[in-house]
C-alpha cells in the first residue's frame, strides 16, 4: 500500500492510497475532483498504462489513479493553504508516472 507523509502547519500527516480515515477526507476528495476536472478541461488524458491492478466494480481509471496517497496529501496541503510556497511529500514507494 502506498503511504505518503507531509508536514502541515508543524504537524506530520500521513495518508495511504484511497484513504478515507482523515477527518477532512470529504474535502480532500472534493479538492481532487476539482483538480481532476480542471486538468481534463485543459486537455489532460488519464493513461491506463499506469494502472498496476484491475479496477473494482465501481471504479474508473480516473478514480483509481486519483486516489494515490501523494495526491491526497497534496490536496490536503492545498486545502490548508491555498497558495503554498512549496509542498513536500515523502513516500514509501516511488511516485508513479501519472502522479
PDB file of N, CA and C in Angstrom:
ATOM      1  N   UNK A   1       0.850  -1.181   0.000  1.00  0.00           N
ATOM      2  CA  UNK A   1       0.000   0.000   0.000  1.00  0.00           C
ATOM      3  C   UNK A   1       0.889   1.236   0.000  1.00  0.00           C
ATOM      4  N   UNK A   2       0.560   2.165  -0.873  1.00  0.00           N
ATOM      5  CA  UNK A   2       1.303   3.415  -0.929  1.00  0.00           C
ATOM      6  C   UNK A   2       0.972   4.303   0.257  1.00  0.00           C
ATOM      7  N   UNK A   3       2.015   4.832   0.895  1.00  0.00           N
ATOM      8  CA  UNK A   3       1.865   5.754   2.017  1.00  0.00           C
ATOM      9  C   UNK A   3       2.611   7.037   1.698  1.00  0.00           C
ATOM     10  N   UNK A   4       2.019   8.161   2.074  1.00  0.00           N
ATOM     11  CA  UNK A   4       2.682   9.450   1.887  1.00  0.00           C
ATOM     12  C   UNK A   4       2.581  10.256   3.167  1.00  0.00           C
ATOM     13  N   UNK A   5       3.658  11.002   3.453  1.00  0.00           N
ATOM     14  CA  UNK A   5       3.716  11.878   4.609  1.00  0.00           C
ATOM     15  C   UNK A   5       3.959  13.292   4.129  1.00  0.00           C
ATOM     16  N   UNK A   6       3.418  14.256   4.862  1.00  0.00           N
ATOM     17  CA  UNK A   6       3.668  15.659   4.589  1.00  0.00           C
ATOM     18  C   UNK A   6       3.554  16.420   5.898  1.00  0.00           C
ATOM     19  N   UNK A   7       4.135  17.599   5.937  1.00  0.00           N
ATOM     20  CA  UNK A   7       4.018  18.447   7.121  1.00  0.00           C
ATOM     21  C   UNK A   7       3.073  19.590   6.802  1.00  0.00           C
ATOM     22  N   UNK A   8       2.085  19.773   7.660  1.00  0.00           N
ATOM     23  CA  UNK A   8       1.128  20.865   7.503  1.00  0.00           C
ATOM     24  C   UNK A   8       1.045  21.607   8.830  1.00  0.00           C
ATOM     25  N   UNK A   9       1.438  22.877   8.801  1.00  0.00           N
ATOM     26  CA  UNK A   9       1.388  23.731   9.992  1.00  0.00           C
ATOM     27  C   UNK A   9       2.075  23.083  11.192  1.00  0.00           C
ATOM     28  N   UNK A  10       3.241  22.480  10.946  1.00  0.00           N
ATOM     29  CA  UNK A  10       4.036  21.901  12.010  1.00  0.00           C
ATOM     30  C   UNK A  10       3.648  20.497  12.440  1.00  0.00           C
ATOM     31  N   UNK A  11       2.661  19.906  11.794  1.00  0.00           N
ATOM     32  CA  UNK A  11       2.218  18.556  12.140  1.00  0.00           C
ATOM     33  C   UNK A  11       2.455  17.610  10.964  1.00  0.00           C
ATOM     34  N   UNK A  12       2.959  16.418  11.260  1.00  0.00           N
ATOM     35  CA  UNK A  12       3.156  15.404  10.225  1.00  0.00           C
ATOM     36  C   UNK A  12       1.829  14.688  10.002  1.00  0.00           C
ATOM     37  N   UNK A  13       1.426  14.618   8.746  1.00  0.00           N
ATOM     38  CA  UNK A  13       0.190  13.933   8.359  1.00  0.00           C
ATOM     39  C   UNK A  13       0.579  12.797   7.429  1.00  0.00           C
ATOM     40  N   UNK A  14       0.009  11.626   7.628  1.00  0.00           N
ATOM     41  CA  UNK A  14       0.267  10.517   6.701  1.00  0.00           C
ATOM     42  C   UNK A  14      -1.070   9.937   6.246  1.00  0.00           C
ATOM     43  N   UNK A  15      -1.107   9.611   4.969  1.00  0.00           N
ATOM     44  CA  UNK A  15      -2.296   9.012   4.364  1.00  0.00           C
ATOM     45  C   UNK A  15      -1.859   7.846   3.494  1.00  0.00           C
ATOM     46  N   UNK A  16      -2.722   6.863   3.386  1.00  0.00           N
ATOM     47  CA  UNK A  16      -2.452   5.740   2.488  1.00  0.00           C
ATOM     48  C   UNK A  16      -3.316   5.901   1.242  1.00  0.00           C
ATOM     49  N   UNK A  17      -3.014   5.150   0.223  1.00  0.00           N
ATOM     50  CA  UNK A  17      -3.779   5.220  -1.026  1.00  0.00           C
ATOM     51  C   UNK A  17      -5.254   4.944  -0.745  1.00  0.00           C
ATOM     52  N   UNK A  18      -6.110   5.756  -1.322  1.00  0.00           N
ATOM     53  CA  UNK A  18      -7.574   5.632  -1.214  1.00  0.00           C
ATOM     54  C   UNK A  18      -8.062   5.743   0.229  1.00  0.00           C
ATOM     55  N   UNK A  19      -7.329   6.486   1.031  1.00  0.00           N
ATOM     56  CA  UNK A  19      -7.622   6.654   2.454  1.00  0.00           C
ATOM     57  C   UNK A  19      -8.844   7.555   2.650  1.00  0.00           C
ATOM     58  N   UNK A  20      -9.738   7.139   3.525  1.00  0.00           N
ATOM     59  CA  UNK A  20     -10.896   7.953   3.902  1.00  0.00           C
ATOM     60  C   UNK A  20     -10.929   8.173   5.410  1.00  0.00           C
ATOM     61  N   UNK A  21      -9.805   7.917   6.093  1.00  0.00           N
ATOM     62  CA  UNK A  21      -9.782   7.992   7.551  1.00  0.00           C
ATOM     63  C   UNK A  21      -9.541   9.398   8.091  1.00  0.00           C
ATOM     64  N   UNK A  22      -9.024  10.298   7.276  1.00  0.00           N
ATOM     65  CA  UNK A  22      -8.728  11.647   7.750  1.00  0.00           C
ATOM     66  C   UNK A  22     -10.030  12.409   7.991  1.00  0.00           C
ATOM     67  N   UNK A  23     -10.095  13.230   9.041  1.00  0.00           N
ATOM     68  CA  UNK A  23     -11.322  13.994   9.316  1.00  0.00           C
ATOM     69  C   UNK A  23     -11.767  14.889   8.156  1.00  0.00           C
ATOM     70  N   UNK A  24     -10.842  15.271   7.286  1.00  0.00           N
ATOM     71  CA  UNK A  24     -11.180  16.125   6.143  1.00  0.00           C
ATOM     72  C   UNK A  24     -11.237  15.343   4.831  1.00  0.00           C
ATOM     73  N   UNK A  25     -11.457  14.049   4.900  1.00  0.00           N
ATOM     74  CA  UNK A  25     -11.419  13.240   3.674  1.00  0.00           C
ATOM     75  C   UNK A  25     -12.459  13.694   2.652  1.00  0.00           C
ATOM     76  N   UNK A  26     -13.628  14.131   3.097  1.00  0.00           N
ATOM     77  CA  UNK A  26     -14.639  14.624   2.150  1.00  0.00           C
ATOM     78  C   UNK A  26     -14.099  15.825   1.388  1.00  0.00           C
ATOM     79  N   UNK A  27     -13.454  16.743   2.101  1.00  0.00           N
ATOM     80  CA  UNK A  27     -12.866  17.921   1.463  1.00  0.00           C
ATOM     81  C   UNK A  27     -11.701  17.532   0.556  1.00  0.00           C
ATOM     82  N   UNK A  28     -10.907  16.571   0.989  1.00  0.00           N
ATOM     83  CA  UNK A  28      -9.756  16.123   0.196  1.00  0.00           C
ATOM     84  C   UNK A  28     -10.222  15.583  -1.150  1.00  0.00           C
ATOM     85  N   UNK A  29     -11.216  14.710  -1.136  1.00  0.00           N
ATOM     86  CA  UNK A  29     -11.697  14.122  -2.390  1.00  0.00           C
ATOM     87  C   UNK A  29     -12.429  15.148  -3.250  1.00  0.00           C
ATOM     88  N   UNK A  30     -13.091  16.121  -2.621  1.00  0.00           N
ATOM     89  CA  UNK A  30     -13.731  17.197  -3.391  1.00  0.00           C
ATOM     90  C   UNK A  30     -12.669  18.042  -4.088  1.00  0.00           C
ATOM     91  N   UNK A  31     -11.567  18.321  -3.400  1.00  0.00           N
ATOM     92  CA  UNK A  31     -10.471  19.090  -3.993  1.00  0.00           C
ATOM     93  C   UNK A  31      -9.861  18.317  -5.161  1.00  0.00           C
ATOM     94  N   UNK A  32      -9.660  17.024  -4.985  1.00  0.00           N
ATOM     95  CA  UNK A  32      -9.117  16.201  -6.068  1.00  0.00           C
ATOM     96  C   UNK A  32     -10.067  16.204  -7.259  1.00  0.00           C
ATOM     97  N   UNK A  33     -11.370  16.121  -7.013  1.00  0.00           N
ATOM     98  CA  UNK A  33     -12.344  16.165  -8.113  1.00  0.00           C
ATOM     99  C   UNK A  33     -12.253  17.486  -8.870  1.00  0.00           C
ATOM    100  N   UNK A  34     -12.087  18.602  -8.141  1.00  0.00           N
ATOM    101  CA  UNK A  34     -11.955  19.906  -8.807  1.00  0.00           C
ATOM    102  C   UNK A  34     -10.675  19.967  -9.636  1.00  0.00           C
ATOM    103  N   UNK A  35      -9.573  19.480  -9.071  1.00  0.00           N
ATOM    104  CA  UNK A  35      -8.306  19.475  -9.807  1.00  0.00           C
ATOM    105  C   UNK A  35      -8.384  18.569 -11.034  1.00  0.00           C
ATOM    106  N   UNK A  36      -9.040  17.415 -10.871  1.00  0.00           N
ATOM    107  CA  UNK A  36      -9.205  16.470 -11.980  1.00  0.00           C
ATOM    108  C   UNK A  36     -10.022  17.110 -13.100  1.00  0.00           C
ATOM    109  N   UNK A  37     -11.117  17.774 -12.748  1.00  0.00           N
ATOM    110  CA  UNK A  37     -11.960  18.430 -13.755  1.00  0.00           C
ATOM    111  C   UNK A  37     -11.190  19.515 -14.492  1.00  0.00           C
ATOM    112  N   UNK A  38     -10.423  20.292 -13.750  1.00  0.00           N
ATOM    113  CA  UNK A  38      -9.628  21.353 -14.367  1.00  0.00           C
ATOM    114  C   UNK A  38      -8.580  20.771 -15.317  1.00  0.00           C
ATOM    115  N   UNK A  39      -7.952  19.680 -14.913  1.00  0.00           N
ATOM    116  CA  UNK A  39      -6.946  19.041 -15.765  1.00  0.00           C
ATOM    117  C   UNK A  39      -7.579  18.529 -17.058  1.00  0.00           C
ATOM    118  N   UNK A  40      -8.738  17.887 -16.949  1.00  0.00           N
ATOM    119  CA  UNK A  40      -9.433  17.363 -18.131  1.00  0.00           C
ATOM    120  C   UNK A  40      -9.843  18.504 -19.055  1.00  0.00           C
ATOM    121  N   UNK A  41     -10.356  19.598 -18.481  1.00  0.00           N
ATOM    122  CA  UNK A  41     -10.742  20.765 -19.287  1.00  0.00           C
ATOM    123  C   UNK A  41      -9.557  21.332 -20.056  1.00  0.00           C
ATOM    124  N   UNK A  42      -8.360  21.159 -19.509  1.00  0.00           N
ATOM    125  CA  UNK A  42      -7.154  21.669 -20.152  1.00  0.00           C
ATOM    126  C   UNK A  42      -6.441  20.620 -20.998  1.00  0.00           C
ATOM    127  N   UNK A  43      -7.143  19.508 -21.291  1.00  0.00           N
ATOM    128  CA  UNK A  43      -6.625  18.529 -22.234  1.00  0.00           C
ATOM    129  C   UNK A  43      -5.913  17.328 -21.646  1.00  0.00           C
ATOM    130  N   UNK A  44      -5.881  17.204 -20.322  1.00  0.00           N
ATOM    131  CA  UNK A  44      -5.213  16.057 -19.713  1.00  0.00           C
ATOM    132  C   UNK A  44      -6.002  14.788 -19.994  1.00  0.00           C
ATOM    133  N   UNK A  45      -5.288  13.714 -20.337  1.00  0.00           N
ATOM    134  CA  UNK A  45      -5.915  12.415 -20.590  1.00  0.00           C
ATOM    135  C   UNK A  45      -5.307  11.407 -19.616  1.00  0.00           C
ATOM    136  N   UNK A  46      -6.154  10.714 -18.884  1.00  0.00           N
ATOM    137  CA  UNK A  46      -5.685   9.699 -17.944  1.00  0.00           C
ATOM    138  C   UNK A  46      -5.177   8.494 -18.721  1.00  0.00           C
ATOM    139  N   UNK A  47      -4.001   8.030 -18.352  1.00  0.00           N
ATOM    140  CA  UNK A  47      -3.316   6.957 -19.062  1.00  0.00           C
ATOM    141  C   UNK A  47      -3.429   5.655 -18.271  1.00  0.00           C
ATOM    142  N   UNK A  48      -4.183   4.719 -18.797  1.00  0.00           N
ATOM    143  CA  UNK A  48      -4.414   3.452 -18.093  1.00  0.00           C
ATOM    144  C   UNK A  48      -3.152   2.594 -17.980  1.00  0.00           C
ATOM    145  N   UNK A  49      -2.108   2.928 -18.711  1.00  0.00           N
ATOM    146  CA  UNK A  49      -0.879   2.132 -18.612  1.00  0.00           C
ATOM    147  C   UNK A  49      -0.221   2.265 -17.236  1.00  0.00           C
ATOM    148  N   UNK A  50      -0.622   3.261 -16.457  1.00  0.00           N
ATOM    149  CA  UNK A  50      -0.092   3.424 -15.106  1.00  0.00           C
ATOM    150  C   UNK A  50      -0.848   2.589 -14.081  1.00  0.00           C
ATOM    151  N   UNK A  51      -1.888   1.911 -14.507  1.00  0.00           N
ATOM    152  CA  UNK A  51      -2.650   1.052 -13.597  1.00  0.00           C
ATOM    153  C   UNK A  51      -1.808  -0.174 -13.251  1.00  0.00           C
ATOM    154  N   UNK A  52      -1.748  -0.497 -11.969  1.00  0.00           N
ATOM    155  CA  UNK A  52      -0.972  -1.657 -11.528  1.00  0.00           C
ATOM    156  C   UNK A  52      -1.862  -2.774 -11.009  1.00  0.00           C
ATOM    157  N   UNK A  53      -3.156  -2.583 -11.129  1.00  0.00           N
ATOM    158  CA  UNK A  53      -4.115  -3.596 -10.671  1.00  0.00           C
ATOM    159  C   UNK A  53      -5.390  -3.458 -11.490  1.00  0.00           C
ATOM    160  N   UNK A  54      -6.247  -4.447 -11.392  1.00  0.00           N
ATOM    161  CA  UNK A  54      -7.538  -4.389 -12.081  1.00  0.00           C
ATOM    162  C   UNK A  54      -8.468  -3.441 -11.339  1.00  0.00           C
ATOM    163  N   UNK A  55      -9.376  -2.842 -12.084  1.00  0.00           N
ATOM    164  CA  UNK A  55     -10.359  -1.948 -11.474  1.00  0.00           C
ATOM    165  C   UNK A  55     -11.407  -2.742 -10.711  1.00  0.00           C
ATOM    166  N   UNK A  56     -11.867  -2.184  -9.599  1.00  0.00           N
ATOM    167  CA  UNK A  56     -13.010  -2.747  -8.886  1.00  0.00           C
ATOM    168  C   UNK A  56     -14.281  -2.382  -9.641  1.00  0.00           C
ATOM    169  N   UNK A  57     -15.393  -2.967  -9.275  1.00  0.00           N
ATOM    170  CA  UNK A  57     -16.662  -2.743  -9.985  1.00  0.00           C
ATOM    171  C   UNK A  57     -17.041  -1.275 -10.117  1.00  0.00           C
ATOM    172  N   UNK A  58     -16.895  -0.502  -9.053  1.00  0.00           N
ATOM    173  CA  UNK A  58     -17.361   0.886  -9.049  1.00  0.00           C
ATOM    174  C   UNK A  58     -16.266   1.895  -9.364  1.00  0.00           C
ATOM    175  N   UNK A  59     -15.128   1.442  -9.864  1.00  0.00           N
ATOM    176  CA  UNK A  59     -14.008   2.331 -10.131  1.00  0.00           C
ATOM    177  C   UNK A  59     -13.889   2.694 -11.599  1.00  0.00           C
ATOM    178  N   UNK A  60     -13.297   3.853 -11.828  1.00  0.00           N
ATOM    179  CA  UNK A  60     -12.883   4.262 -13.165  1.00  0.00           C
ATOM    180  C   UNK A  60     -11.361   4.411 -13.124  1.00  0.00           C
ATOM    181  N   UNK A  61     -10.754   4.534 -14.269  1.00  0.00           N
ATOM    182  CA  UNK A  61      -9.312   4.770 -14.311  1.00  0.00           C
ATOM    183  C   UNK A  61      -8.987   6.041 -13.530  1.00  0.00           C
ATOM    184  N   UNK A  62      -9.811   7.070 -13.730  1.00  0.00           N
ATOM    185  CA  UNK A  62      -9.586   8.339 -13.048  1.00  0.00           C
ATOM    186  C   UNK A  62      -9.657   8.188 -11.530  1.00  0.00           C
ATOM    187  N   UNK A  63     -10.673   7.496 -11.037  1.00  0.00           N
ATOM    188  CA  UNK A  63     -10.816   7.375  -9.581  1.00  0.00           C
ATOM    189  C   UNK A  63      -9.700   6.521  -8.981  1.00  0.00           C
ATOM    190  N   UNK A  64      -9.252   5.516  -9.715  1.00  0.00           N
ATOM    191  CA  UNK A  64      -8.164   4.677  -9.212  1.00  0.00           C
ATOM    192  C   UNK A  64      -6.858   5.464  -9.144  1.00  0.00           C
ATOM    193  N   UNK A  65      -6.541   6.194 -10.204  1.00  0.00           N
ATOM    194  CA  UNK A  65      -5.292   6.947 -10.234  1.00  0.00           C
ATOM    195  C   UNK A  65      -5.322   8.159  -9.313  1.00  0.00           C
ATOM    196  N   UNK A  66      -6.475   8.770  -9.143  1.00  0.00           N
ATOM    197  CA  UNK A  66      -6.571   9.971  -8.305  1.00  0.00           C
ATOM    198  C   UNK A  66      -6.685   9.653  -6.822  1.00  0.00           C
ATOM    199  N   UNK A  67      -6.649   8.394  -6.458  1.00  0.00           N
ATOM    200  CA  UNK A  67      -6.670   8.011  -5.057  1.00  0.00           C
ATOM    201  C   UNK A  67      -5.293   7.722  -4.496  1.00  0.00           C
ATOM    202  N   UNK A  68      -4.249   7.969  -5.284  1.00  0.00           N
ATOM    203  CA  UNK A  68      -2.896   7.711  -4.804  1.00  0.00           C
ATOM    204  C   UNK A  68      -2.578   8.629  -3.629  1.00  0.00           C
ATOM    205  N   UNK A  69      -1.833   8.098  -2.684  1.00  0.00           N
ATOM    206  CA  UNK A  69      -1.581   8.813  -1.430  1.00  0.00           C
ATOM    207  C   UNK A  69      -0.908  10.165  -1.632  1.00  0.00           C
ATOM    208  N   UNK A  70      -0.008  10.279  -2.615  1.00  0.00           N
ATOM    209  CA  UNK A  70       0.661  11.560  -2.821  1.00  0.00           C
ATOM    210  C   UNK A  70      -0.320  12.633  -3.272  1.00  0.00           C
ATOM    211  N   UNK A  71      -1.322  12.256  -4.051  1.00  0.00           N
ATOM    212  CA  UNK A  71      -2.330  13.229  -4.461  1.00  0.00           C
ATOM    213  C   UNK A  71      -3.214  13.630  -3.287  1.00  0.00           C
ATOM    214  N   UNK A  72      -3.490  12.687  -2.401  1.00  0.00           N
ATOM    215  CA  UNK A  72      -4.304  13.000  -1.224  1.00  0.00           C
ATOM    216  C   UNK A  72      -3.602  14.020  -0.328  1.00  0.00           C
ATOM    217  N   UNK A  73      -2.303  13.830  -0.067  1.00  0.00           N
ATOM    218  CA  UNK A  73      -1.611  14.784   0.805  1.00  0.00           C
ATOM    219  C   UNK A  73      -1.384  16.127   0.112  1.00  0.00           C
ATOM    220  N   UNK A  74      -1.232  16.125  -1.201  1.00  0.00           N
ATOM    221  CA  UNK A  74      -1.131  17.398  -1.926  1.00  0.00           C
ATOM    222  C   UNK A  74      -2.456  18.147  -1.827  1.00  0.00           C
ATOM    223  N   UNK A  75      -3.566  17.446  -2.029  1.00  0.00           N
ATOM    224  CA  UNK A  75      -4.882  18.084  -1.913  1.00  0.00           C
ATOM    225  C   UNK A  75      -5.089  18.642  -0.512  1.00  0.00           C
ATOM    226  N   UNK A  76      -4.699  17.898   0.508  1.00  0.00           N
ATOM    227  CA  UNK A  76      -4.840  18.377   1.884  1.00  0.00           C
ATOM    228  C   UNK A  76      -4.000  19.629   2.112  1.00  0.00           C
ATOM    229  N   UNK A  77      -2.789  19.653   1.578  1.00  0.00           N
ATOM    230  CA  UNK A  77      -1.963  20.858   1.673  1.00  0.00           C
ATOM    231  C   UNK A  77      -2.659  22.048   1.033  1.00  0.00           C
ATOM    232  N   UNK A  78      -3.260  21.850  -0.141  1.00  0.00           N
ATOM    233  CA  UNK A  78      -3.931  22.942  -0.848  1.00  0.00           C
ATOM    234  C   UNK A  78      -5.185  23.409  -0.121  1.00  0.00           C
ATOM    235  N   UNK A  79      -5.820  22.529   0.625  1.00  0.00           N
ATOM    236  CA  UNK A  79      -6.975  22.918   1.440  1.00  0.00           C
ATOM    237  C   UNK A  79      -6.502  23.780   2.612  1.00  0.00           C
ATOM    238  N   UNK A  80      -5.441  23.349   3.269  1.00  0.00           N
ATOM    239  CA  UNK A  80      -4.935  24.058   4.447  1.00  0.00           C
ATOM    240  C   UNK A  80      -4.306  25.400   4.095  1.00  0.00           C
ATOM    241  N   UNK A  81      -3.634  25.457   2.951  1.00  0.00           N
ATOM    242  CA  UNK A  81      -3.000  26.694   2.500  1.00  0.00           C
ATOM    243  C   UNK A  81      -3.138  26.773   0.980  1.00  0.00           C
ATOM    244  N   UNK A  82      -4.122  27.544   0.495  1.00  0.00           N
ATOM    245  CA  UNK A  82      -4.438  27.560  -0.939  1.00  0.00           C
ATOM    246  C   UNK A  82      -3.281  27.948  -1.867  1.00  0.00           C
ATOM    247  N   UNK A  83      -2.313  28.710  -1.382  1.00  0.00           N
ATOM    248  CA  UNK A  83      -1.185  29.104  -2.234  1.00  0.00           C
ATOM    249  C   UNK A  83       0.130  28.837  -1.498  1.00  0.00           C
ATOM    250  N   UNK A  84       0.449  27.559  -1.260  1.00  0.00           N
ATOM    251  CA  UNK A  84       1.676  27.257  -0.512  1.00  0.00           C
ATOM    252  C   UNK A  84       2.922  27.598  -1.322  1.00  0.00           C
ATOM    253  N   UNK A  85       3.992  27.952  -0.615  1.00  0.00           N
ATOM    254  CA  UNK A  85       5.261  28.219  -1.293  1.00  0.00           C
ATOM    255  C   UNK A  85       5.871  26.927  -1.809  1.00  0.00           C
ATOM    256  N   UNK A  86       5.678  25.845  -1.079  1.00  0.00           N
ATOM    257  CA  UNK A  86       6.126  24.524  -1.524  1.00  0.00           C
ATOM    258  C   UNK A  86       5.332  23.465  -0.774  1.00  0.00           C
ATOM    259  N   UNK A  87       5.303  22.281  -1.349  1.00  0.00           N
ATOM    260  CA  UNK A  87       4.679  21.122  -0.714  1.00  0.00           C
ATOM    261  C   UNK A  87       5.710  20.003  -0.763  1.00  0.00           C
ATOM    262  N   UNK A  88       6.024  19.457   0.390  1.00  0.00           N
ATOM    263  CA  UNK A  88       6.972  18.344   0.447  1.00  0.00           C
ATOM    264  C   UNK A  88       6.208  17.068   0.761  1.00  0.00           C
ATOM    265  N   UNK A  89       6.435  16.042  -0.049  1.00  0.00           N
ATOM    266  CA  UNK A  89       5.788  14.745   0.131  1.00  0.00           C
ATOM    267  C   UNK A  89       6.877  13.684   0.234  1.00  0.00           C
ATOM    268  N   UNK A  90       6.763  12.835   1.239  1.00  0.00           N
ATOM    269  CA  UNK A  90       7.659  11.696   1.406  1.00  0.00           C
ATOM    270  C   UNK A  90       6.824  10.446   1.201  1.00  0.00           C
ATOM    271  N   UNK A  91       7.341   9.483   0.421  1.00  0.00           N
ATOM    272  CA  UNK A  91       6.595   8.265   0.107  1.00  0.00           C
ATOM    273  C   UNK A  91       7.382   7.022   0.484  1.00  0.00           C
ATOM    274  N   UNK A  92       6.653   5.938   0.697  1.00  0.00           N
ATOM    275  CA  UNK A  92       7.308   4.655   0.933  1.00  0.00           C
ATOM    276  C   UNK A  92       7.584   3.914  -0.375  1.00  0.00           C
ATOM    277  N   UNK A  93       6.997   4.362  -1.472  1.00  0.00           N
ATOM    278  CA  UNK A  93       7.193   3.773  -2.799  1.00  0.00           C
ATOM    279  C   UNK A  93       7.569   4.883  -3.770  1.00  0.00           C
ATOM    280  N   UNK A  94       7.991   4.503  -4.953  1.00  0.00           N
ATOM    281  CA  UNK A  94       8.273   5.544  -5.946  1.00  0.00           C
ATOM    282  C   UNK A  94       6.959   6.158  -6.416  1.00  0.00           C
ATOM    283  N   UNK A  95       7.027   7.382  -6.881  1.00  0.00           N
ATOM    284  CA  UNK A  95       5.850   8.066  -7.408  1.00  0.00           C
ATOM    285  C   UNK A  95       5.598   7.544  -8.812  1.00  0.00           C
ATOM    286  N   UNK A  96       4.358   7.198  -9.117  1.00  0.00           N
ATOM    287  CA  UNK A  96       4.045   6.693 -10.457  1.00  0.00           C
ATOM    288  C   UNK A  96       4.121   7.830 -11.476  1.00  0.00           C
ATOM    289  N   UNK A  97       4.271   7.500 -12.714  1.00  0.00           N
ATOM    290  CA  UNK A  97       4.385   8.488 -13.778  1.00  0.00           C
ATOM    291  C   UNK A  97       3.159   9.357 -13.931  1.00  0.00           C
ATOM    292  N   UNK A  98       2.003   8.845 -13.583  1.00  0.00           N
ATOM    293  CA  UNK A  98       0.778   9.638 -13.654  1.00  0.00           C
ATOM    294  C   UNK A  98       0.821  10.778 -12.648  1.00  0.00           C
ATOM    295  N   UNK A  99       1.241  10.468 -11.435  1.00  0.00           N
ATOM    296  CA  UNK A  99       1.242  11.466 -10.357  1.00  0.00           C
ATOM    297  C   UNK A  99       2.298  12.527 -10.578  1.00  0.00           C
TER     298      UNK A  99
END
